[in-house]
């Protein structure tokens, strides 16, 4: 965690006072004085926003202008097998359109809540029909991509490609 983030958390009141004293002792943060704990999530968000403004920080969402072109020019159809982890895993298959980035990541159109944990749980995978047969692609990372201020895509890094018969290897 960067020093700036720790300082922001200290100023927001999110860090308990005994831990804050330890952070002062280790010189991880500057003394921010007495800070009351936030009483609600809204108050915490307001405080974090104020700290970010004070310190000249701002949230920057990177827009990949080429992502729409890459998605459209490489678009294919596959089956996304969503598998929940838990005591009794549940699964469902959905036909999905996807594209590929220049670096081989998979681009899925996505505007809903984040499903990054589901996409990278080691069980969820994309089934592809390739010339050499069916292939399952598992993902190690998933991030949201924006077009302007709107969430438009989810970009997933493949970790493993496996032939449907179970033989495969790392990408």
N, C-alpha and C. Protein backbone atom coordinates (compact mmCIF):
# COMPACT_ATOMS: atom_id res chain seq x y z
N UNK A 1 0.86 -1.17 0.00
CA UNK A 1 0.00 0.00 0.00
C UNK A 1 0.90 1.22 0.00
N UNK A 2 0.60 2.18 -0.85
CA UNK A 2 1.45 3.36 -0.93
C UNK A 2 1.23 4.26 0.28
N UNK A 3 2.23 5.08 0.55
CA UNK A 3 2.16 6.01 1.67
C UNK A 3 0.97 6.96 1.52
N UNK A 4 0.66 7.36 0.28
CA UNK A 4 -0.46 8.28 0.04
C UNK A 4 -1.79 7.65 0.41
N UNK A 5 -1.95 6.37 0.10
CA UNK A 5 -3.19 5.67 0.42
C UNK A 5 -3.34 5.54 1.93
N UNK A 6 -2.25 5.19 2.61
CA UNK A 6 -2.30 5.06 4.07
C UNK A 6 -2.65 6.41 4.69
N UNK A 7 -2.05 7.49 4.19
CA UNK A 7 -2.36 8.83 4.71
C UNK A 7 -3.83 9.17 4.48
N UNK A 8 -4.35 8.82 3.30
CA UNK A 8 -5.75 9.09 2.99
C UNK A 8 -6.66 8.33 3.96
N UNK A 9 -6.34 7.06 4.21
CA UNK A 9 -7.15 6.27 5.14
C UNK A 9 -7.09 6.85 6.55
N UNK A 10 -5.92 7.32 6.95
CA UNK A 10 -5.79 7.92 8.27
C UNK A 10 -6.67 9.17 8.39
N UNK A 11 -6.65 10.02 7.38
CA UNK A 11 -7.44 11.25 7.41
C UNK A 11 -8.94 10.97 7.33
N UNK A 12 -9.32 9.86 6.74
CA UNK A 12 -10.75 9.56 6.58
C UNK A 12 -11.40 9.09 7.87
N UNK A 13 -10.59 8.66 8.85
CA UNK A 13 -11.15 8.16 10.10
C UNK A 13 -11.42 6.67 10.05
N UNK A 14 -11.03 6.02 8.99
CA UNK A 14 -11.29 4.59 8.83
C UNK A 14 -10.34 3.73 9.67
N UNK A 15 -9.15 4.24 9.95
CA UNK A 15 -8.15 3.48 10.69
C UNK A 15 -8.39 3.65 12.18
N UNK A 16 -8.53 2.54 12.93
CA UNK A 16 -8.72 2.65 14.38
C UNK A 16 -7.54 3.38 15.03
N UNK A 17 -7.82 4.07 16.13
CA UNK A 17 -6.83 4.93 16.77
C UNK A 17 -5.58 4.17 17.22
N UNK A 18 -5.71 2.94 17.76
CA UNK A 18 -4.53 2.21 18.22
C UNK A 18 -3.63 1.83 17.04
N UNK A 19 -4.22 1.48 15.92
CA UNK A 19 -3.43 1.18 14.72
C UNK A 19 -2.79 2.46 14.18
N UNK A 20 -3.50 3.56 14.25
CA UNK A 20 -2.98 4.84 13.80
C UNK A 20 -1.73 5.23 14.60
N UNK A 21 -1.76 4.98 15.91
CA UNK A 21 -0.57 5.27 16.74
C UNK A 21 0.63 4.45 16.26
N UNK A 22 0.41 3.18 15.91
CA UNK A 22 1.49 2.35 15.39
C UNK A 22 2.01 2.90 14.06
N UNK A 23 1.11 3.35 13.21
CA UNK A 23 1.53 3.91 11.92
C UNK A 23 2.37 5.17 12.13
N UNK A 24 1.99 5.99 13.14
CA UNK A 24 2.80 7.18 13.46
C UNK A 24 4.19 6.75 13.91
N UNK A 25 4.21 5.74 14.79
CA UNK A 25 5.47 5.26 15.34
C UNK A 25 6.40 4.77 14.22
N UNK A 26 5.86 4.09 13.23
CA UNK A 26 6.65 3.58 12.11
C UNK A 26 6.86 4.61 11.02
N UNK A 27 6.32 5.82 11.26
CA UNK A 27 6.45 6.94 10.31
C UNK A 27 5.85 6.61 8.93
N UNK A 28 4.77 5.84 8.97
CA UNK A 28 4.07 5.52 7.72
C UNK A 28 3.09 6.62 7.34
N UNK A 29 2.64 7.40 8.33
CA UNK A 29 1.74 8.53 8.07
C UNK A 29 2.17 9.71 8.91
N UNK A 30 1.76 10.88 8.46
CA UNK A 30 1.97 12.09 9.26
C UNK A 30 0.84 12.17 10.26
N UNK A 31 1.09 12.82 11.39
CA UNK A 31 0.07 12.96 12.42
C UNK A 31 -1.09 13.79 11.87
N UNK A 32 -2.29 13.20 11.90
CA UNK A 32 -3.47 13.91 11.38
C UNK A 32 -4.34 14.43 12.51
N UNK A 33 -3.87 14.25 13.75
CA UNK A 33 -4.66 14.71 14.89
C UNK A 33 -5.80 13.74 15.20
N UNK A 34 -6.72 14.19 16.04
CA UNK A 34 -7.86 13.35 16.44
C UNK A 34 -8.87 13.32 15.30
N UNK A 35 -9.22 12.11 14.89
CA UNK A 35 -10.21 11.94 13.82
C UNK A 35 -11.29 10.99 14.31
N UNK A 36 -12.53 11.44 14.28
CA UNK A 36 -13.66 10.61 14.68
C UNK A 36 -13.89 9.52 13.64
N UNK A 37 -14.32 8.35 14.10
CA UNK A 37 -14.68 7.28 13.17
C UNK A 37 -15.94 7.71 12.41
N UNK A 38 -16.03 7.41 11.12
CA UNK A 38 -17.25 7.74 10.37
C UNK A 38 -18.43 6.93 10.91
N UNK A 39 -19.61 7.57 10.94
CA UNK A 39 -20.78 6.92 11.50
C UNK A 39 -21.62 6.18 10.45
N UNK A 40 -21.32 6.44 9.16
CA UNK A 40 -22.08 5.76 8.09
C UNK A 40 -21.18 5.62 6.87
N UNK A 41 -21.61 4.78 5.97
CA UNK A 41 -20.87 4.59 4.72
C UNK A 41 -20.84 5.89 3.91
N UNK A 42 -21.96 6.62 3.93
CA UNK A 42 -22.02 7.88 3.19
C UNK A 42 -21.01 8.88 3.75
N UNK A 43 -20.89 8.93 5.08
CA UNK A 43 -19.92 9.85 5.69
C UNK A 43 -18.49 9.45 5.32
N UNK A 44 -18.21 8.15 5.31
CA UNK A 44 -16.89 7.66 4.92
C UNK A 44 -16.58 8.07 3.48
N UNK A 45 -17.52 7.86 2.59
CA UNK A 45 -17.32 8.23 1.18
C UNK A 45 -17.08 9.73 1.05
N UNK A 46 -17.87 10.53 1.78
CA UNK A 46 -17.69 11.99 1.73
C UNK A 46 -16.29 12.37 2.22
N UNK A 47 -15.83 11.74 3.31
CA UNK A 47 -14.49 12.04 3.84
C UNK A 47 -13.39 11.65 2.86
N UNK A 48 -13.52 10.48 2.27
CA UNK A 48 -12.51 10.04 1.30
C UNK A 48 -12.48 11.00 0.12
N UNK A 49 -13.66 11.41 -0.37
CA UNK A 49 -13.71 12.40 -1.47
C UNK A 49 -13.01 13.70 -1.08
N UNK A 50 -13.26 14.17 0.16
CA UNK A 50 -12.61 15.41 0.62
C UNK A 50 -11.10 15.27 0.68
N UNK A 51 -10.62 14.15 1.20
CA UNK A 51 -9.18 13.91 1.30
C UNK A 51 -8.56 13.86 -0.09
N UNK A 52 -9.22 13.17 -1.01
CA UNK A 52 -8.70 13.10 -2.37
C UNK A 52 -8.61 14.49 -3.00
N UNK A 53 -9.64 15.31 -2.78
CA UNK A 53 -9.62 16.67 -3.31
C UNK A 53 -8.51 17.49 -2.68
N UNK A 54 -8.37 17.39 -1.33
CA UNK A 54 -7.33 18.14 -0.62
C UNK A 54 -5.94 17.81 -1.13
N UNK A 55 -5.69 16.54 -1.36
CA UNK A 55 -4.37 16.09 -1.76
C UNK A 55 -4.16 16.18 -3.27
N UNK A 56 -5.13 16.72 -3.99
CA UNK A 56 -4.99 16.87 -5.44
C UNK A 56 -5.06 15.56 -6.18
N UNK A 57 -5.66 14.55 -5.57
CA UNK A 57 -5.79 13.26 -6.23
C UNK A 57 -7.15 13.19 -6.90
N UNK A 58 -7.23 12.39 -7.94
CA UNK A 58 -8.52 12.15 -8.56
C UNK A 58 -8.53 10.77 -9.17
N UNK A 59 -9.73 10.22 -9.28
CA UNK A 59 -9.89 8.91 -9.88
C UNK A 59 -9.81 9.07 -11.39
N UNK A 60 -8.92 8.31 -12.01
CA UNK A 60 -8.77 8.38 -13.46
C UNK A 60 -9.17 7.04 -14.03
N UNK A 61 -10.14 7.08 -14.92
CA UNK A 61 -10.54 5.86 -15.62
C UNK A 61 -9.92 5.93 -17.00
N UNK A 62 -9.19 4.90 -17.33
CA UNK A 62 -8.52 4.87 -18.62
C UNK A 62 -9.49 4.36 -19.66
N UNK A 63 -9.61 5.12 -20.73
CA UNK A 63 -10.45 4.71 -21.85
C UNK A 63 -9.55 4.22 -22.96
N UNK A 64 -9.75 2.98 -23.35
CA UNK A 64 -9.01 2.42 -24.46
C UNK A 64 -9.83 2.66 -25.71
N UNK A 65 -9.44 3.66 -26.48
CA UNK A 65 -10.22 4.06 -27.65
C UNK A 65 -10.23 2.95 -28.68
N UNK A 66 -9.19 2.17 -28.74
CA UNK A 66 -9.10 1.11 -29.74
C UNK A 66 -9.91 -0.13 -29.36
N UNK A 67 -10.38 -0.21 -28.11
CA UNK A 67 -11.03 -1.44 -27.66
C UNK A 67 -12.29 -1.75 -28.46
N UNK A 68 -13.05 -0.74 -28.82
CA UNK A 68 -14.27 -0.97 -29.60
C UNK A 68 -13.91 -1.54 -30.96
N UNK A 69 -12.92 -0.96 -31.61
CA UNK A 69 -12.48 -1.47 -32.92
C UNK A 69 -11.95 -2.90 -32.80
N UNK A 70 -11.15 -3.17 -31.77
CA UNK A 70 -10.61 -4.52 -31.58
C UNK A 70 -11.74 -5.52 -31.33
N UNK A 71 -12.69 -5.12 -30.49
CA UNK A 71 -13.82 -6.00 -30.19
C UNK A 71 -14.59 -6.32 -31.48
N UNK A 72 -14.91 -5.30 -32.25
CA UNK A 72 -15.71 -5.51 -33.47
C UNK A 72 -14.94 -6.29 -34.54
N UNK A 73 -13.65 -6.03 -34.68
CA UNK A 73 -12.89 -6.69 -35.75
C UNK A 73 -12.48 -8.13 -35.41
N UNK A 74 -12.52 -8.50 -34.13
CA UNK A 74 -12.11 -9.86 -33.76
C UNK A 74 -13.26 -10.66 -33.15
N UNK A 75 -14.46 -10.14 -33.27
CA UNK A 75 -15.62 -10.73 -32.60
C UNK A 75 -15.89 -12.17 -33.02
N UNK A 76 -16.12 -13.03 -32.02
CA UNK A 76 -16.50 -14.43 -32.20
C UNK A 76 -17.56 -14.75 -31.16
N UNK A 77 -18.12 -15.94 -31.28
CA UNK A 77 -19.12 -16.41 -30.32
C UNK A 77 -18.55 -17.62 -29.58
N UNK A 78 -18.78 -17.68 -28.30
CA UNK A 78 -18.37 -18.81 -27.49
C UNK A 78 -19.40 -19.06 -26.42
N UNK A 79 -19.17 -20.06 -25.60
CA UNK A 79 -20.05 -20.36 -24.47
C UNK A 79 -19.29 -20.05 -23.19
N UNK A 80 -19.84 -19.15 -22.40
CA UNK A 80 -19.24 -18.83 -21.11
C UNK A 80 -19.90 -19.74 -20.07
N UNK A 81 -19.09 -20.54 -19.41
CA UNK A 81 -19.57 -21.45 -18.38
C UNK A 81 -19.27 -20.79 -17.04
N UNK A 82 -20.30 -20.24 -16.42
CA UNK A 82 -20.16 -19.57 -15.14
C UNK A 82 -20.37 -20.59 -14.03
N UNK A 83 -19.38 -20.71 -13.15
CA UNK A 83 -19.44 -21.69 -12.06
C UNK A 83 -19.21 -20.94 -10.75
N UNK A 84 -20.18 -21.03 -9.86
CA UNK A 84 -20.01 -20.41 -8.55
C UNK A 84 -19.25 -21.35 -7.65
N UNK A 85 -18.39 -20.79 -6.80
CA UNK A 85 -17.71 -21.64 -5.84
C UNK A 85 -18.53 -21.67 -4.56
N UNK A 86 -18.32 -22.67 -3.78
CA UNK A 86 -19.08 -22.84 -2.55
C UNK A 86 -19.23 -24.31 -2.26
N UNK A 87 -20.05 -24.63 -1.26
CA UNK A 87 -20.25 -26.02 -0.87
C UNK A 87 -20.83 -26.84 -2.02
N UNK A 88 -21.82 -26.29 -2.71
CA UNK A 88 -22.41 -26.96 -3.87
C UNK A 88 -22.33 -26.01 -5.07
N UNK A 89 -21.24 -26.10 -5.84
CA UNK A 89 -21.08 -25.20 -6.98
C UNK A 89 -22.26 -25.31 -7.96
N UNK A 90 -22.70 -24.17 -8.44
CA UNK A 90 -23.76 -24.10 -9.43
C UNK A 90 -23.13 -23.61 -10.73
N UNK A 91 -23.65 -24.09 -11.86
CA UNK A 91 -23.10 -23.62 -13.13
C UNK A 91 -24.21 -23.34 -14.12
N UNK A 92 -23.92 -22.45 -15.04
CA UNK A 92 -24.82 -22.17 -16.15
C UNK A 92 -23.99 -21.76 -17.34
N UNK A 93 -24.51 -22.05 -18.54
CA UNK A 93 -23.82 -21.71 -19.78
C UNK A 93 -24.58 -20.60 -20.49
N UNK A 94 -23.82 -19.65 -21.02
CA UNK A 94 -24.39 -18.52 -21.73
C UNK A 94 -23.62 -18.33 -23.02
N UNK A 95 -24.35 -18.20 -24.15
CA UNK A 95 -23.68 -17.84 -25.40
C UNK A 95 -23.23 -16.39 -25.29
N UNK A 96 -21.96 -16.12 -25.59
CA UNK A 96 -21.42 -14.76 -25.47
C UNK A 96 -20.63 -14.39 -26.72
N UNK A 97 -20.67 -13.11 -27.03
CA UNK A 97 -19.79 -12.56 -28.05
C UNK A 97 -18.55 -12.07 -27.32
N UNK A 98 -17.40 -12.22 -27.94
CA UNK A 98 -16.16 -11.74 -27.34
C UNK A 98 -15.21 -11.33 -28.45
N UNK A 99 -14.25 -10.51 -28.10
CA UNK A 99 -13.18 -10.12 -29.01
C UNK A 99 -11.86 -10.38 -28.32
N UNK A 100 -10.77 -10.03 -29.00
CA UNK A 100 -9.44 -10.23 -28.44
C UNK A 100 -8.63 -8.95 -28.56
N UNK A 101 -7.84 -8.68 -27.54
CA UNK A 101 -6.91 -7.55 -27.62
C UNK A 101 -5.67 -7.99 -28.39
N UNK A 102 -4.82 -7.04 -28.71
CA UNK A 102 -3.57 -7.34 -29.41
C UNK A 102 -2.70 -8.28 -28.57
N UNK A 103 -2.80 -8.15 -27.25
CA UNK A 103 -1.98 -8.98 -26.35
C UNK A 103 -2.64 -10.31 -26.00
N UNK A 104 -3.80 -10.61 -26.59
CA UNK A 104 -4.44 -11.90 -26.39
C UNK A 104 -5.48 -11.97 -25.28
N UNK A 105 -5.76 -10.84 -24.62
CA UNK A 105 -6.81 -10.85 -23.62
C UNK A 105 -8.18 -10.95 -24.31
N UNK A 106 -9.17 -11.39 -23.55
CA UNK A 106 -10.52 -11.55 -24.07
C UNK A 106 -11.36 -10.33 -23.68
N UNK A 107 -12.10 -9.79 -24.64
CA UNK A 107 -12.94 -8.61 -24.42
C UNK A 107 -14.40 -9.07 -24.44
N UNK A 108 -15.09 -8.84 -23.34
CA UNK A 108 -16.52 -9.15 -23.25
C UNK A 108 -17.30 -7.86 -23.07
N UNK A 109 -18.39 -7.66 -23.81
CA UNK A 109 -19.21 -6.49 -23.51
C UNK A 109 -19.82 -6.68 -22.12
N UNK A 110 -19.70 -5.67 -21.26
CA UNK A 110 -20.20 -5.82 -19.89
C UNK A 110 -20.45 -4.46 -19.27
N UNK A 111 -21.68 -4.24 -18.81
CA UNK A 111 -22.01 -2.97 -18.16
C UNK A 111 -22.57 -3.17 -16.77
N UNK A 112 -22.72 -4.40 -16.32
CA UNK A 112 -23.31 -4.68 -15.01
C UNK A 112 -22.30 -4.58 -13.89
N UNK A 113 -22.71 -5.06 -12.72
CA UNK A 113 -21.83 -5.11 -11.56
C UNK A 113 -20.63 -6.00 -11.89
N UNK A 114 -19.55 -5.79 -11.17
CA UNK A 114 -18.34 -6.55 -11.42
C UNK A 114 -18.54 -8.03 -11.11
N UNK A 115 -18.07 -8.86 -12.03
CA UNK A 115 -18.07 -10.31 -11.80
C UNK A 115 -16.63 -10.83 -11.90
N UNK A 116 -15.68 -9.96 -11.62
CA UNK A 116 -14.26 -10.32 -11.72
C UNK A 116 -13.94 -11.55 -10.87
N UNK A 117 -14.47 -11.62 -9.64
CA UNK A 117 -14.19 -12.77 -8.78
C UNK A 117 -14.74 -14.05 -9.39
N UNK A 118 -15.92 -13.98 -9.98
CA UNK A 118 -16.52 -15.15 -10.61
C UNK A 118 -15.71 -15.58 -11.83
N UNK A 119 -15.26 -14.61 -12.63
CA UNK A 119 -14.50 -14.91 -13.85
C UNK A 119 -13.14 -15.53 -13.54
N UNK A 120 -12.58 -15.23 -12.38
CA UNK A 120 -11.22 -15.69 -12.06
C UNK A 120 -11.18 -16.72 -10.93
N UNK A 121 -12.30 -17.40 -10.68
CA UNK A 121 -12.35 -18.35 -9.56
C UNK A 121 -11.73 -19.71 -9.88
N UNK A 122 -11.22 -19.90 -11.10
CA UNK A 122 -10.58 -21.15 -11.47
C UNK A 122 -11.54 -22.21 -11.99
N UNK A 123 -12.84 -21.92 -11.94
CA UNK A 123 -13.83 -22.88 -12.44
C UNK A 123 -14.60 -22.31 -13.64
N UNK A 124 -14.86 -21.01 -13.62
CA UNK A 124 -15.54 -20.36 -14.73
C UNK A 124 -14.60 -20.38 -15.93
N UNK A 125 -15.15 -20.65 -17.11
CA UNK A 125 -14.30 -20.70 -18.31
C UNK A 125 -15.12 -20.40 -19.56
N UNK A 126 -14.42 -20.11 -20.61
CA UNK A 126 -15.00 -19.84 -21.92
C UNK A 126 -14.73 -21.05 -22.81
N UNK A 127 -15.79 -21.61 -23.41
CA UNK A 127 -15.62 -22.73 -24.34
C UNK A 127 -15.55 -22.19 -25.76
N UNK A 128 -14.48 -22.55 -26.46
CA UNK A 128 -14.26 -22.09 -27.83
C UNK A 128 -14.31 -23.27 -28.78
N UNK A 129 -14.88 -23.05 -29.94
CA UNK A 129 -14.83 -24.05 -31.03
C UNK A 129 -13.67 -23.66 -31.92
N UNK A 130 -12.58 -24.40 -31.87
CA UNK A 130 -11.41 -24.14 -32.68
C UNK A 130 -11.28 -25.25 -33.72
N UNK A 131 -10.45 -25.04 -34.73
CA UNK A 131 -10.24 -26.04 -35.78
C UNK A 131 -9.78 -27.37 -35.20
N UNK A 132 -8.97 -27.29 -34.13
CA UNK A 132 -8.44 -28.52 -33.52
C UNK A 132 -9.38 -29.11 -32.47
N UNK A 133 -10.55 -28.54 -32.30
CA UNK A 133 -11.54 -29.07 -31.35
C UNK A 133 -11.96 -28.01 -30.35
N UNK A 134 -12.73 -28.46 -29.36
CA UNK A 134 -13.19 -27.53 -28.33
C UNK A 134 -12.07 -27.24 -27.34
N UNK A 135 -12.05 -26.00 -26.90
CA UNK A 135 -11.01 -25.56 -25.98
C UNK A 135 -11.67 -24.77 -24.86
N UNK A 136 -11.22 -24.99 -23.63
CA UNK A 136 -11.70 -24.22 -22.48
C UNK A 136 -10.61 -23.23 -22.08
N UNK A 137 -11.02 -21.98 -21.89
CA UNK A 137 -10.09 -20.93 -21.49
C UNK A 137 -10.46 -20.46 -20.09
N UNK A 138 -9.50 -20.53 -19.18
CA UNK A 138 -9.69 -20.07 -17.81
C UNK A 138 -8.97 -18.72 -17.67
N UNK A 139 -9.42 -17.90 -16.74
CA UNK A 139 -8.91 -16.54 -16.63
C UNK A 139 -8.22 -16.28 -15.29
N UNK A 140 -7.15 -15.48 -15.34
CA UNK A 140 -6.40 -15.15 -14.12
C UNK A 140 -6.65 -13.72 -13.66
N UNK A 141 -7.16 -12.86 -14.54
CA UNK A 141 -7.38 -11.46 -14.19
C UNK A 141 -8.55 -10.93 -14.98
N UNK A 142 -9.34 -10.08 -14.37
CA UNK A 142 -10.46 -9.44 -15.06
C UNK A 142 -10.53 -7.98 -14.61
N UNK A 143 -10.66 -7.08 -15.57
CA UNK A 143 -10.76 -5.66 -15.23
C UNK A 143 -11.81 -5.01 -16.13
N UNK A 144 -12.38 -3.94 -15.61
CA UNK A 144 -13.40 -3.22 -16.36
C UNK A 144 -12.74 -2.23 -17.30
N UNK A 145 -13.33 -2.04 -18.46
CA UNK A 145 -12.83 -1.05 -19.41
C UNK A 145 -13.98 -0.08 -19.69
N UNK A 146 -13.63 1.17 -19.77
CA UNK A 146 -14.62 2.22 -19.94
C UNK A 146 -14.51 2.83 -21.33
N UNK A 147 -15.64 3.26 -21.83
CA UNK A 147 -15.68 4.05 -23.05
C UNK A 147 -16.25 5.38 -22.62
N UNK A 148 -15.39 6.38 -22.48
CA UNK A 148 -15.80 7.63 -21.84
C UNK A 148 -16.00 7.35 -20.36
N UNK A 149 -17.13 7.78 -19.81
CA UNK A 149 -17.44 7.53 -18.40
C UNK A 149 -18.27 6.28 -18.20
N UNK A 150 -18.64 5.61 -19.27
CA UNK A 150 -19.52 4.45 -19.17
C UNK A 150 -18.73 3.15 -19.20
N UNK A 151 -19.04 2.26 -18.26
CA UNK A 151 -18.44 0.93 -18.28
C UNK A 151 -18.97 0.21 -19.51
N UNK A 152 -18.09 -0.31 -20.34
CA UNK A 152 -18.53 -0.92 -21.59
C UNK A 152 -18.06 -2.36 -21.74
N UNK A 153 -16.91 -2.70 -21.20
CA UNK A 153 -16.32 -4.01 -21.42
C UNK A 153 -15.68 -4.56 -20.15
N UNK A 154 -15.50 -5.86 -20.16
CA UNK A 154 -14.67 -6.52 -19.17
C UNK A 154 -13.56 -7.20 -19.97
N UNK A 155 -12.31 -6.97 -19.58
CA UNK A 155 -11.16 -7.52 -20.28
C UNK A 155 -10.53 -8.56 -19.36
N UNK A 156 -10.45 -9.81 -19.85
CA UNK A 156 -9.97 -10.92 -19.03
C UNK A 156 -8.69 -11.50 -19.61
N UNK A 157 -7.70 -11.69 -18.75
CA UNK A 157 -6.43 -12.29 -19.16
C UNK A 157 -6.54 -13.80 -19.01
N UNK A 158 -6.20 -14.53 -20.07
CA UNK A 158 -6.28 -16.00 -19.98
C UNK A 158 -5.11 -16.54 -19.15
N UNK A 159 -5.39 -17.59 -18.37
CA UNK A 159 -4.33 -18.22 -17.61
C UNK A 159 -4.03 -19.61 -18.16
N UNK A 160 -5.07 -20.31 -18.59
CA UNK A 160 -4.91 -21.69 -19.05
C UNK A 160 -5.84 -21.96 -20.21
N UNK A 161 -5.33 -22.66 -21.21
CA UNK A 161 -6.13 -23.16 -22.32
C UNK A 161 -6.10 -24.68 -22.21
N UNK A 162 -7.28 -25.31 -22.18
CA UNK A 162 -7.32 -26.77 -22.09
C UNK A 162 -8.19 -27.33 -23.20
N UNK A 163 -7.74 -28.43 -23.80
CA UNK A 163 -8.59 -29.15 -24.75
C UNK A 163 -9.74 -29.76 -23.96
N UNK A 164 -10.90 -29.91 -24.60
CA UNK A 164 -12.06 -30.41 -23.89
C UNK A 164 -11.82 -31.77 -23.26
N UNK A 165 -10.90 -32.56 -23.80
CA UNK A 165 -10.63 -33.87 -23.21
C UNK A 165 -9.78 -33.79 -21.95
N UNK A 166 -9.41 -32.53 -21.53
CA UNK A 166 -8.68 -32.36 -20.28
C UNK A 166 -7.20 -32.15 -20.42
N UNK A 167 -6.64 -32.33 -21.64
CA UNK A 167 -5.21 -32.08 -21.84
C UNK A 167 -5.03 -30.63 -22.23
N UNK A 168 -4.12 -29.96 -21.61
CA UNK A 168 -3.91 -28.54 -21.93
C UNK A 168 -2.65 -28.05 -21.28
N UNK A 169 -2.51 -26.72 -21.30
CA UNK A 169 -1.34 -26.15 -20.69
C UNK A 169 -1.51 -24.68 -20.51
N UNK A 170 -0.53 -24.07 -19.93
CA UNK A 170 -0.59 -22.63 -19.69
C UNK A 170 -0.47 -21.89 -20.99
N UNK A 171 -1.04 -20.72 -21.02
CA UNK A 171 -1.00 -19.90 -22.23
C UNK A 171 0.36 -19.29 -22.44
